[in-house]
Amino acid sequence: SEETSAFLPIGMTERRNRYSIRLPWFTDDITRLRIDPSDHSGLVHV
């Protein structure tokens, strides 16, 4: 849900970089993780 999500805009270059995003606070274990890379079609190196 939106309540258990975090958002981060990332600007990239051809150099490989690492970006961090802190998830909402919770104490339970995470059972599944969903990553929506972008709201546009296209090509990217992950």
All heavy atoms as atom14 arrays in JSON, in Angstrom:
{
  "sequence": "SEETSAFLPIGMTERRNRYSIRLPWFTDDITRLRIDPSDHSGLVHV",
  "atom14_mask": [
    [1, 1, 1, 1, 1, 1, 0, 0, 0, 0, 0, 0, 0, 0],
    [1, 1, 1, 1, 1, 1, 1, 1, 1, 0, 0, 0, 0, 0],
    [1, 1, 1, 1, 1, 1, 1, 1, 1, 0, 0, 0, 0, 0],
    [1, 1, 1, 1, 1, 1, 1, 0, 0, 0, 0, 0, 0, 0],
    [1, 1, 1, 1, 1, 1, 0, 0, 0, 0, 0, 0, 0, 0],
    [1, 1, 1, 1, 1, 0, 0, 0, 0, 0, 0, 0, 0, 0],
    [1, 1, 1, 1, 1, 1, 1, 1, 1, 1, 1, 0, 0, 0],
    [1, 1, 1, 1, 1, 1, 1, 1, 0, 0, 0, 0, 0, 0],
    [1, 1, 1, 1, 1, 1, 1, 0, 0, 0, 0, 0, 0, 0],
    [1, 1, 1, 1, 1, 1, 1, 1, 0, 0, 0, 0, 0, 0],
    [1, 1, 1, 1, 0, 0, 0, 0, 0, 0, 0, 0, 0, 0],
    [1, 1, 1, 1, 1, 1, 1, 1, 0, 0, 0, 0, 0, 0],
    [1, 1, 1, 1, 1, 1, 1, 0, 0, 0, 0, 0, 0, 0],
    [1, 1, 1, 1, 1, 1, 1, 1, 1, 0, 0, 0, 0, 0],
    [1, 1, 1, 1, 1, 1, 1, 1, 1, 1, 1, 0, 0, 0],
    [1, 1, 1, 1, 1, 1, 1, 1, 1, 1, 1, 0, 0, 0],
    [1, 1, 1, 1, 1, 1, 1, 1, 0, 0, 0, 0, 0, 0],
    [1, 1, 1, 1, 1, 1, 1, 1, 1, 1, 1, 0, 0, 0],
    [1, 1, 1, 1, 1, 1, 1, 1, 1, 1, 1, 1, 0, 0],
    [1, 1, 1, 1, 1, 1, 0, 0, 0, 0, 0, 0, 0, 0],
    [1, 1, 1, 1, 1, 1, 1, 1, 0, 0, 0, 0, 0, 0],
    [1, 1, 1, 1, 1, 1, 1, 1, 1, 1, 1, 0, 0, 0],
    [1, 1, 1, 1, 1, 1, 1, 1, 0, 0, 0, 0, 0, 0],
    [1, 1, 1, 1, 1, 1, 1, 0, 0, 0, 0, 0, 0, 0],
    [1, 1, 1, 1, 1, 1, 1, 1, 1, 1, 1, 1, 1, 1],
    [1, 1, 1, 1, 1, 1, 1, 1, 1, 1, 1, 0, 0, 0],
    [1, 1, 1, 1, 1, 1, 1, 0, 0, 0, 0, 0, 0, 0],
    [1, 1, 1, 1, 1, 1, 1, 1, 0, 0, 0, 0, 0, 0],
    [1, 1, 1, 1, 1, 1, 1, 1, 0, 0, 0, 0, 0, 0],
    [1, 1, 1, 1, 1, 1, 1, 1, 0, 0, 0, 0, 0, 0],
    [1, 1, 1, 1, 1, 1, 1, 0, 0, 0, 0, 0, 0, 0],
    [1, 1, 1, 1, 1, 1, 1, 1, 1, 1, 1, 0, 0, 0],
    [1, 1, 1, 1, 1, 1, 1, 1, 0, 0, 0, 0, 0, 0],
    [1, 1, 1, 1, 1, 1, 1, 1, 1, 1, 1, 0, 0, 0],
    [1, 1, 1, 1, 1, 1, 1, 1, 0, 0, 0, 0, 0, 0],
    [1, 1, 1, 1, 1, 1, 1, 1, 0, 0, 0, 0, 0, 0],
    [1, 1, 1, 1, 1, 1, 1, 0, 0, 0, 0, 0, 0, 0],
    [1, 1, 1, 1, 1, 1, 0, 0, 0, 0, 0, 0, 0, 0],
    [1, 1, 1, 1, 1, 1, 1, 1, 0, 0, 0, 0, 0, 0],
    [1, 1, 1, 1, 1, 1, 1, 1, 1, 1, 0, 0, 0, 0],
    [1, 1, 1, 1, 1, 1, 0, 0, 0, 0, 0, 0, 0, 0],
    [1, 1, 1, 1, 0, 0, 0, 0, 0, 0, 0, 0, 0, 0],
    [1, 1, 1, 1, 1, 1, 1, 1, 0, 0, 0, 0, 0, 0],
    [1, 1, 1, 1, 1, 1, 1, 0, 0, 0, 0, 0, 0, 0],
    [1, 1, 1, 1, 1, 1, 1, 1, 1, 1, 0, 0, 0, 0],
    [1, 1, 1, 1, 1, 1, 1, 0, 0, 0, 0, 0, 0, 0]
  ],
  "atom14_positions": [
    [[0.86, -1.19, 0.0], [0.0, 0.0, 0.0], [0.89, 1.23, 0.0], [2.11, 1.15, 0.24], [-0.92, 0.02, 1.22], [-0.18, 0.25, 2.4], [0.0, 0.0, 0.0], [0.0, 0.0, 0.0], [0.0, 0.0, 0.0], [0.0, 0.0, 0.0], [0.0, 0.0, 0.0], [0.0, 0.0, 0.0], [0.0, 0.0, 0.0], [0.0, 0.0, 0.0]],
    [[0.28, 2.38, -0.25], [1.04, 3.63, -0.23], [1.61, 3.89, 1.15], [2.67, 4.51, 1.29], [0.14, 4.79, -0.66], [-0.35, 4.72, -2.09], [0.78, 4.85, -3.1], [1.76, 5.56, -2.81], [0.68, 4.26, -4.19], [0.0, 0.0, 0.0], [0.0, 0.0, 0.0], [0.0, 0.0, 0.0], [0.0, 0.0, 0.0], [0.0, 0.0, 0.0]],
    [[0.92, 3.43, 2.2], [1.39, 3.66, 3.56], [2.7, 2.91, 3.84], [3.47, 3.33, 4.7], [0.33, 3.22, 4.56], [-0.95, 4.05, 4.51], [-1.98, 3.55, 5.51], [-1.71, 2.53, 6.17], [-3.03, 4.17, 5.63], [0.0, 0.0, 0.0], [0.0, 0.0, 0.0], [0.0, 0.0, 0.0], [0.0, 0.0, 0.0], [0.0, 0.0, 0.0]],
    [[2.89, 1.79, 3.18], [4.11, 1.01, 3.4], [5.07, 1.16, 2.22], [5.76, 0.23, 1.84], [3.77, -0.48, 3.61], [3.1, -0.98, 2.43], [2.9, -0.67, 4.82], [0.0, 0.0, 0.0], [0.0, 0.0, 0.0], [0.0, 0.0, 0.0], [0.0, 0.0, 0.0], [0.0, 0.0, 0.0], [0.0, 0.0, 0.0], [0.0, 0.0, 0.0]],
    [[5.1, 2.34, 1.63], [5.98, 2.58, 0.48], [6.83, 3.82, 0.72], [6.54, 4.63, 1.6], [5.16, 2.75, -0.8], [4.5, 4.0, -0.82], [0.0, 0.0, 0.0], [0.0, 0.0, 0.0], [0.0, 0.0, 0.0], [0.0, 0.0, 0.0], [0.0, 0.0, 0.0], [0.0, 0.0, 0.0], [0.0, 0.0, 0.0], [0.0, 0.0, 0.0]],
    [[7.87, 3.95, -0.08], [8.74, 5.12, -0.05], [9.08, 5.49, -1.48], [9.14, 4.63, -2.37], [10.0, 4.82, 0.76], [0.0, 0.0, 0.0], [0.0, 0.0, 0.0], [0.0, 0.0, 0.0], [0.0, 0.0, 0.0], [0.0, 0.0, 0.0], [0.0, 0.0, 0.0], [0.0, 0.0, 0.0], [0.0, 0.0, 0.0], [0.0, 0.0, 0.0]],
    [[9.31, 6.77, -1.73], [9.5, 7.28, -3.08], [10.83, 8.03, -3.15], [11.21, 8.75, -2.23], [8.35, 8.21, -3.46], [8.48, 8.84, -4.82], [8.16, 8.12, -5.97], [8.94, 10.14, -4.95], [8.29, 8.69, -7.22], [9.07, 10.72, -6.21], [8.75, 9.99, -7.34], [0.0, 0.0, 0.0], [0.0, 0.0, 0.0], [0.0, 0.0, 0.0]],
    [[11.53, 7.87, -4.28], [12.79, 8.57, -4.47], [13.0, 8.86, -5.96], [13.08, 7.95, -6.77], [13.97, 7.71, -3.97], [15.37, 8.31, -4.15], [15.54, 9.51, -3.23], [16.44, 7.27, -3.88], [0.0, 0.0, 0.0], [0.0, 0.0, 0.0], [0.0, 0.0, 0.0], [0.0, 0.0, 0.0], [0.0, 0.0, 0.0], [0.0, 0.0, 0.0]],
    [[13.09, 10.15, -6.35], [13.49, 10.48, -7.73], [15.0, 10.38, -7.86], [15.75, 10.88, -7.01], [12.99, 11.93, -7.9], [12.96, 12.48, -6.52], [12.72, 11.34, -5.57], [0.0, 0.0, 0.0], [0.0, 0.0, 0.0], [0.0, 0.0, 0.0], [0.0, 0.0, 0.0], [0.0, 0.0, 0.0], [0.0, 0.0, 0.0], [0.0, 0.0, 0.0]],
    [[15.45, 9.74, -8.92], [16.88, 9.49, -9.13], [17.27, 10.03, -10.49], [16.64, 9.73, -11.5], [17.19, 7.98, -9.07], [16.91, 7.42, -7.66], [18.64, 7.72, -9.46], [17.06, 5.92, -7.59], [0.0, 0.0, 0.0], [0.0, 0.0, 0.0], [0.0, 0.0, 0.0], [0.0, 0.0, 0.0], [0.0, 0.0, 0.0], [0.0, 0.0, 0.0]],
    [[18.34, 10.81, -10.53], [18.94, 11.23, -11.79], [20.2, 10.42, -12.02], [21.05, 10.33, -11.12], [0.0, 0.0, 0.0], [0.0, 0.0, 0.0], [0.0, 0.0, 0.0], [0.0, 0.0, 0.0], [0.0, 0.0, 0.0], [0.0, 0.0, 0.0], [0.0, 0.0, 0.0], [0.0, 0.0, 0.0], [0.0, 0.0, 0.0], [0.0, 0.0, 0.0]],
    [[20.34, 9.83, -13.19], [21.42, 8.87, -13.43], [22.39, 9.37, -14.51], [22.07, 10.28, -15.28], [20.83, 7.53, -13.88], [19.84, 6.91, -12.92], [19.19, 5.35, -13.56], [18.3, 5.92, -15.03], [0.0, 0.0, 0.0], [0.0, 0.0, 0.0], [0.0, 0.0, 0.0], [0.0, 0.0, 0.0], [0.0, 0.0, 0.0], [0.0, 0.0, 0.0]],
    [[23.55, 8.74, -14.54], [24.51, 8.92, -15.62], [24.96, 7.53, -16.06], [24.5, 6.52, -15.53], [25.73, 9.74, -15.15], [26.46, 8.97, -14.18], [25.32, 11.06, -14.55], [0.0, 0.0, 0.0], [0.0, 0.0, 0.0], [0.0, 0.0, 0.0], [0.0, 0.0, 0.0], [0.0, 0.0, 0.0], [0.0, 0.0, 0.0], [0.0, 0.0, 0.0]],
    [[25.88, 7.47, -17.02], [26.38, 6.17, -17.46], [27.33, 5.55, -16.44], [27.71, 4.39, -16.57], [27.07, 6.31, -18.83], [26.1, 6.66, -19.95], [26.76, 6.64, -21.32], [27.86, 6.08, -21.44], [26.17, 7.2, -22.26], [0.0, 0.0, 0.0], [0.0, 0.0, 0.0], [0.0, 0.0, 0.0], [0.0, 0.0, 0.0], [0.0, 0.0, 0.0]],
    [[27.69, 6.31, -15.42], [28.5, 5.76, -14.34], [27.59, 5.03, -13.36], [26.52, 5.52, -13.01], [29.25, 6.87, -13.63], [30.14, 6.4, -12.48], [30.76, 7.57, -11.76], [31.52, 8.41, -12.67], [32.05, 9.59, -12.33], [31.88, 10.06, -11.12], [32.72, 10.29, -13.22], [0.0, 0.0, 0.0], [0.0, 0.0, 0.0], [0.0, 0.0, 0.0]],
    [[28.02, 3.88, -12.9], [27.25, 3.09, -11.96], [27.29, 3.74, -10.58], [28.35, 3.95, -10.0], [27.83, 1.67, -11.9], [27.17, 0.73, -10.91], [27.73, -0.67, -11.11], [27.28, -1.61, -10.1], [27.49, -2.92, -10.15], [28.13, -3.43, -11.19], [27.06, -3.71, -9.19], [0.0, 0.0, 0.0], [0.0, 0.0, 0.0], [0.0, 0.0, 0.0]],
    [[26.09, 4.07, -10.06], [25.99, 4.71, -8.75], [24.97, 3.98, -7.9], [24.05, 3.33, -8.4], [25.58, 6.18, -8.9], [26.71, 7.04, -9.43], [27.84, 6.94, -8.96], [26.41, 7.88, -10.41], [0.0, 0.0, 0.0], [0.0, 0.0, 0.0], [0.0, 0.0, 0.0], [0.0, 0.0, 0.0], [0.0, 0.0, 0.0], [0.0, 0.0, 0.0]],
    [[25.14, 4.13, -6.58], [24.23, 3.5, -5.63], [23.39, 4.58, -4.94], [23.91, 5.61, -4.51], [25.01, 2.7, -4.58], [24.13, 2.0, -3.55], [24.95, 1.24, -2.5], [25.67, 0.11, -3.07], [26.18, -0.87, -2.34], [26.05, -0.86, -1.02], [26.83, -1.86, -2.93], [0.0, 0.0, 0.0], [0.0, 0.0, 0.0], [0.0, 0.0, 0.0]],
    [[22.08, 4.33, -4.84], [21.16, 5.27, -4.22], [20.41, 4.56, -3.1], [20.07, 3.38, -3.21], [20.16, 5.82, -5.24], [20.84, 6.53, -6.4], [21.24, 5.81, -7.53], [21.08, 7.89, -6.36], [21.87, 6.44, -8.59], [21.71, 8.53, -7.41], [22.1, 7.81, -8.53], [22.72, 8.44, -9.57], [0.0, 0.0, 0.0], [0.0, 0.0, 0.0]],
    [[20.14, 5.29, -2.02], [19.5, 4.71, -0.84], [18.12, 5.3, -0.63], [17.91, 6.51, -0.85], [20.35, 4.96, 0.41], [21.62, 4.37, 0.29], [0.0, 0.0, 0.0], [0.0, 0.0, 0.0], [0.0, 0.0, 0.0], [0.0, 0.0, 0.0], [0.0, 0.0, 0.0], [0.0, 0.0, 0.0], [0.0, 0.0, 0.0], [0.0, 0.0, 0.0]],
    [[17.2, 4.46, -0.19], [15.85, 4.91, 0.12], [15.41, 4.2, 1.4], [15.45, 2.97, 1.49], [14.88, 4.63, -1.05], [13.46, 5.06, -0.71], [14.91, 3.16, -1.48], [12.52, 5.03, -1.91], [0.0, 0.0, 0.0], [0.0, 0.0, 0.0], [0.0, 0.0, 0.0], [0.0, 0.0, 0.0], [0.0, 0.0, 0.0], [0.0, 0.0, 0.0]],
    [[15.03, 4.97, 2.38], [14.63, 4.42, 3.67], [13.15, 4.06, 3.64], [12.3, 4.88, 3.27], [14.9, 5.44, 4.78], [14.54, 4.95, 6.18], [15.05, 5.91, 7.22], [14.57, 5.56, 8.55], [15.01, 6.12, 9.66], [15.96, 7.04, 9.6], [14.52, 5.77, 10.84], [0.0, 0.0, 0.0], [0.0, 0.0, 0.0], [0.0, 0.0, 0.0]],
    [[12.84, 2.83, 4.04], [11.45, 2.37, 4.03], [10.73, 2.86, 5.28], [11.36, 3.19, 6.29], [11.41, 0.85, 3.98], [12.11, 0.18, 2.78], [11.83, -1.31, 2.76], [11.65, 0.81, 1.48], [0.0, 0.0, 0.0], [0.0, 0.0, 0.0], [0.0, 0.0, 0.0], [0.0, 0.0, 0.0], [0.0, 0.0, 0.0], [0.0, 0.0, 0.0]],
    [[9.39, 2.93, 5.22], [8.64, 3.32, 6.41], [8.95, 2.4, 7.59], [9.24, 1.21, 7.41], [7.17, 3.18, 5.96], [7.23, 3.29, 4.48], [8.53, 2.68, 4.06], [0.0, 0.0, 0.0], [0.0, 0.0, 0.0], [0.0, 0.0, 0.0], [0.0, 0.0, 0.0], [0.0, 0.0, 0.0], [0.0, 0.0, 0.0], [0.0, 0.0, 0.0]],
    [[8.87, 2.94, 8.79], [9.25, 2.17, 9.98], [8.2, 1.12, 10.29], [7.0, 1.38, 10.24], [9.41, 3.12, 11.16], [9.83, 2.41, 12.42], [11.1, 2.07, 12.78], [8.98, 1.96, 13.45], [11.11, 1.42, 13.98], [9.79, 1.34, 14.43], [7.6, 1.99, 13.66], [9.29, 0.78, 15.6], [7.09, 1.44, 14.82], [7.94, 0.83, 15.77]],
    [[8.64, -0.07, 10.58], [7.77, -1.15, 11.04], [8.64, -2.17, 11.77], [9.86, -2.2, 11.61], [7.02, -1.81, 9.88], [7.89, -2.18, 8.72], [8.63, -3.35, 8.72], [8.0, -1.33, 7.62], [9.44, -3.68, 7.66], [8.82, -1.65, 6.56], [9.55, -2.83, 6.57], [0.0, 0.0, 0.0], [0.0, 0.0, 0.0], [0.0, 0.0, 0.0]],
    [[8.0, -2.99, 12.59], [8.74, -3.98, 13.39], [8.59, -5.38, 12.84], [9.44, -6.24, 13.1], [8.26, -3.95, 14.84], [6.84, -4.2, 14.88], [8.54, -2.6, 15.49], [0.0, 0.0, 0.0], [0.0, 0.0, 0.0], [0.0, 0.0, 0.0], [0.0, 0.0, 0.0], [0.0, 0.0, 0.0], [0.0, 0.0, 0.0], [0.0, 0.0, 0.0]],
    [[7.53, -5.66, 12.06], [7.34, -7.01, 11.53], [8.39, -7.32, 10.47], [8.99, -6.42, 9.86], [5.94, -7.15, 10.92], [4.86, -7.12, 11.98], [5.18, -7.41, 13.15], [3.71, -6.8, 11.65], [0.0, 0.0, 0.0], [0.0, 0.0, 0.0], [0.0, 0.0, 0.0], [0.0, 0.0, 0.0], [0.0, 0.0, 0.0], [0.0, 0.0, 0.0]],
    [[8.56, -8.61, 10.21], [9.44, -9.03, 9.14], [8.8, -8.74, 7.78], [7.57, -8.77, 7.63], [9.74, -10.53, 9.25], [10.6, -10.85, 10.46], [11.34, -9.95, 10.9], [10.52, -11.99, 10.96], [0.0, 0.0, 0.0], [0.0, 0.0, 0.0], [0.0, 0.0, 0.0], [0.0, 0.0, 0.0], [0.0, 0.0, 0.0], [0.0, 0.0, 0.0]],
    [[9.63, -8.47, 6.78], [9.16, -8.23, 5.42], [9.0, -9.59, 4.72], [9.94, -10.38, 4.7], [10.13, -7.34, 4.64], [10.38, -6.03, 5.39], [9.59, -7.05, 3.24], [11.46, -5.19, 4.76], [0.0, 0.0, 0.0], [0.0, 0.0, 0.0], [0.0, 0.0, 0.0], [0.0, 0.0, 0.0], [0.0, 0.0, 0.0], [0.0, 0.0, 0.0]],
    [[7.83, -9.83, 4.17], [7.61, -11.09, 3.46], [7.78, -10.93, 1.95], [8.24, -11.86, 1.28], [6.2, -11.63, 3.76], [5.24, -10.62, 3.4], [6.06, -11.95, 5.25], [0.0, 0.0, 0.0], [0.0, 0.0, 0.0], [0.0, 0.0, 0.0], [0.0, 0.0, 0.0], [0.0, 0.0, 0.0], [0.0, 0.0, 0.0], [0.0, 0.0, 0.0]],
    [[7.39, -9.77, 1.43], [7.57, -9.52, 0.0], [8.0, -8.08, -0.2], [7.66, -7.18, 0.57], [6.29, -9.79, -0.79], [5.91, -11.26, -0.89], [4.95, -11.51, -2.07], [3.75, -10.68, -1.98], [2.89, -10.5, -3.0], [3.15, -11.08, -4.18], [1.82, -9.76, -2.85], [0.0, 0.0, 0.0], [0.0, 0.0, 0.0], [0.0, 0.0, 0.0]],
    [[8.74, -7.86, -1.28], [9.24, -6.54, -1.62], [8.83, -6.23, -3.05], [9.0, -7.06, -3.95], [10.77, -6.53, -1.51], [11.49, -5.19, -1.67], [11.2, -4.31, -0.48], [13.0, -5.44, -1.8], [0.0, 0.0, 0.0], [0.0, 0.0, 0.0], [0.0, 0.0, 0.0], [0.0, 0.0, 0.0], [0.0, 0.0, 0.0], [0.0, 0.0, 0.0]],
    [[8.27, -5.08, -3.26], [7.86, -4.66, -4.61], [8.6, -3.38, -4.97], [8.58, -2.41, -4.2], [6.36, -4.43, -4.68], [5.89, -3.8, -5.98], [4.39, -3.58, -5.98], [4.01, -2.45, -6.82], [2.8, -1.9, -6.84], [1.84, -2.39, -6.06], [2.54, -0.87, -7.61], [0.0, 0.0, 0.0], [0.0, 0.0, 0.0], [0.0, 0.0, 0.0]],
    [[9.23, -3.39, -6.13], [9.97, -2.22, -6.61], [9.37, -1.78, -7.93], [9.34, -2.54, -8.9], [11.46, -2.55, -6.78], [12.06, -2.96, -5.43], [12.21, -1.37, -7.36], [13.5, -3.38, -5.52], [0.0, 0.0, 0.0], [0.0, 0.0, 0.0], [0.0, 0.0, 0.0], [0.0, 0.0, 0.0], [0.0, 0.0, 0.0], [0.0, 0.0, 0.0]],
    [[8.88, -0.55, -7.98], [8.42, 0.1, -9.21], [9.53, 1.04, -9.67], [9.67, 2.14, -9.12], [7.13, 0.88, -8.98], [5.95, -0.02, -8.59], [6.16, -1.23, -8.45], [4.85, 0.51, -8.4], [0.0, 0.0, 0.0], [0.0, 0.0, 0.0], [0.0, 0.0, 0.0], [0.0, 0.0, 0.0], [0.0, 0.0, 0.0], [0.0, 0.0, 0.0]],
    [[10.35, 0.64, -10.65], [11.53, 1.45, -10.99], [11.19, 2.83, -11.54], [11.9, 3.79, -11.28], [12.25, 0.61, -12.05], [11.65, -0.75, -11.94], [10.25, -0.57, -11.46], [0.0, 0.0, 0.0], [0.0, 0.0, 0.0], [0.0, 0.0, 0.0], [0.0, 0.0, 0.0], [0.0, 0.0, 0.0], [0.0, 0.0, 0.0], [0.0, 0.0, 0.0]],
    [[10.11, 2.93, -12.32], [9.83, 4.19, -12.99], [8.37, 4.24, -13.39], [7.67, 3.23, -13.36], [10.72, 4.34, -14.23], [10.46, 5.55, -14.91], [0.0, 0.0, 0.0], [0.0, 0.0, 0.0], [0.0, 0.0, 0.0], [0.0, 0.0, 0.0], [0.0, 0.0, 0.0], [0.0, 0.0, 0.0], [0.0, 0.0, 0.0], [0.0, 0.0, 0.0]],
    [[7.91, 5.42, -13.75], [6.57, 5.56, -14.3], [6.64, 5.86, -15.8], [5.74, 6.47, -16.36], [5.78, 6.65, -13.57], [6.53, 7.96, -13.48], [7.62, 8.06, -14.08], [6.05, 8.88, -12.8], [0.0, 0.0, 0.0], [0.0, 0.0, 0.0], [0.0, 0.0, 0.0], [0.0, 0.0, 0.0], [0.0, 0.0, 0.0], [0.0, 0.0, 0.0]],
    [[7.74, 5.42, -16.42], [7.91, 5.57, -17.86], [8.54, 4.32, -18.45], [9.3, 3.63, -17.78], [8.81, 6.77, -18.19], [8.21, 8.08, -17.82], [8.35, 8.63, -16.57], [7.44, 8.94, -18.52], [7.69, 9.78, -16.52], [7.15, 9.99, -17.69], [0.0, 0.0, 0.0], [0.0, 0.0, 0.0], [0.0, 0.0, 0.0], [0.0, 0.0, 0.0]],
    [[8.21, 4.04, -19.68], [8.88, 2.94, -20.37], [10.27, 3.4, -20.8], [10.53, 4.59, -20.96], [8.06, 2.51, -21.59], [7.9, 3.6, -22.49], [0.0, 0.0, 0.0], [0.0, 0.0, 0.0], [0.0, 0.0, 0.0], [0.0, 0.0, 0.0], [0.0, 0.0, 0.0], [0.0, 0.0, 0.0], [0.0, 0.0, 0.0], [0.0, 0.0, 0.0]],
    [[11.17, 2.43, -20.99], [12.52, 2.77, -21.41], [13.52, 1.71, -21.0], [13.17, 0.63, -20.53], [0.0, 0.0, 0.0], [0.0, 0.0, 0.0], [0.0, 0.0, 0.0], [0.0, 0.0, 0.0], [0.0, 0.0, 0.0], [0.0, 0.0, 0.0], [0.0, 0.0, 0.0], [0.0, 0.0, 0.0], [0.0, 0.0, 0.0], [0.0, 0.0, 0.0]],
    [[14.8, 2.04, -21.18], [15.9, 1.12, -20.91], [16.73, 1.63, -19.75], [16.99, 2.84, -19.65], [16.8, 0.99, -22.15], [16.12, 0.71, -23.5], [17.16, 0.67, -24.61], [15.33, -0.59, -23.46], [0.0, 0.0, 0.0], [0.0, 0.0, 0.0], [0.0, 0.0, 0.0], [0.0, 0.0, 0.0], [0.0, 0.0, 0.0], [0.0, 0.0, 0.0]],
    [[17.18, 0.72, -18.88], [17.99, 1.1, -17.74], [18.83, -0.09, -17.31], [18.43, -1.25, -17.47], [17.1, 1.6, -16.57], [16.18, 0.5, -16.07], [17.95, 2.17, -15.44], [0.0, 0.0, 0.0], [0.0, 0.0, 0.0], [0.0, 0.0, 0.0], [0.0, 0.0, 0.0], [0.0, 0.0, 0.0], [0.0, 0.0, 0.0], [0.0, 0.0, 0.0]],
    [[20.01, 0.18, -16.78], [20.81, -0.85, -16.13], [20.46, -0.85, -14.65], [20.67, 0.16, -13.95], [22.31, -0.56, -16.27], [22.86, -0.76, -17.64], [22.76, -1.95, -18.33], [23.55, 0.08, -18.46], [23.35, -1.84, -19.51], [23.84, -0.61, -19.61], [0.0, 0.0, 0.0], [0.0, 0.0, 0.0], [0.0, 0.0, 0.0], [0.0, 0.0, 0.0]],
    [[19.93, -1.96, -14.14], [19.79, -2.17, -12.7], [20.8, -3.24, -12.33], [20.62, -4.42, -12.64], [18.36, -2.6, -12.32], [18.27, -2.86, -10.82], [17.35, -1.51, -12.71], [0.0, 0.0, 0.0], [0.0, 0.0, 0.0], [0.0, 0.0, 0.0], [0.0, 0.0, 0.0], [0.0, 0.0, 0.0], [0.0, 0.0, 0.0], [0.0, 0.0, 0.0]]
  ]
}
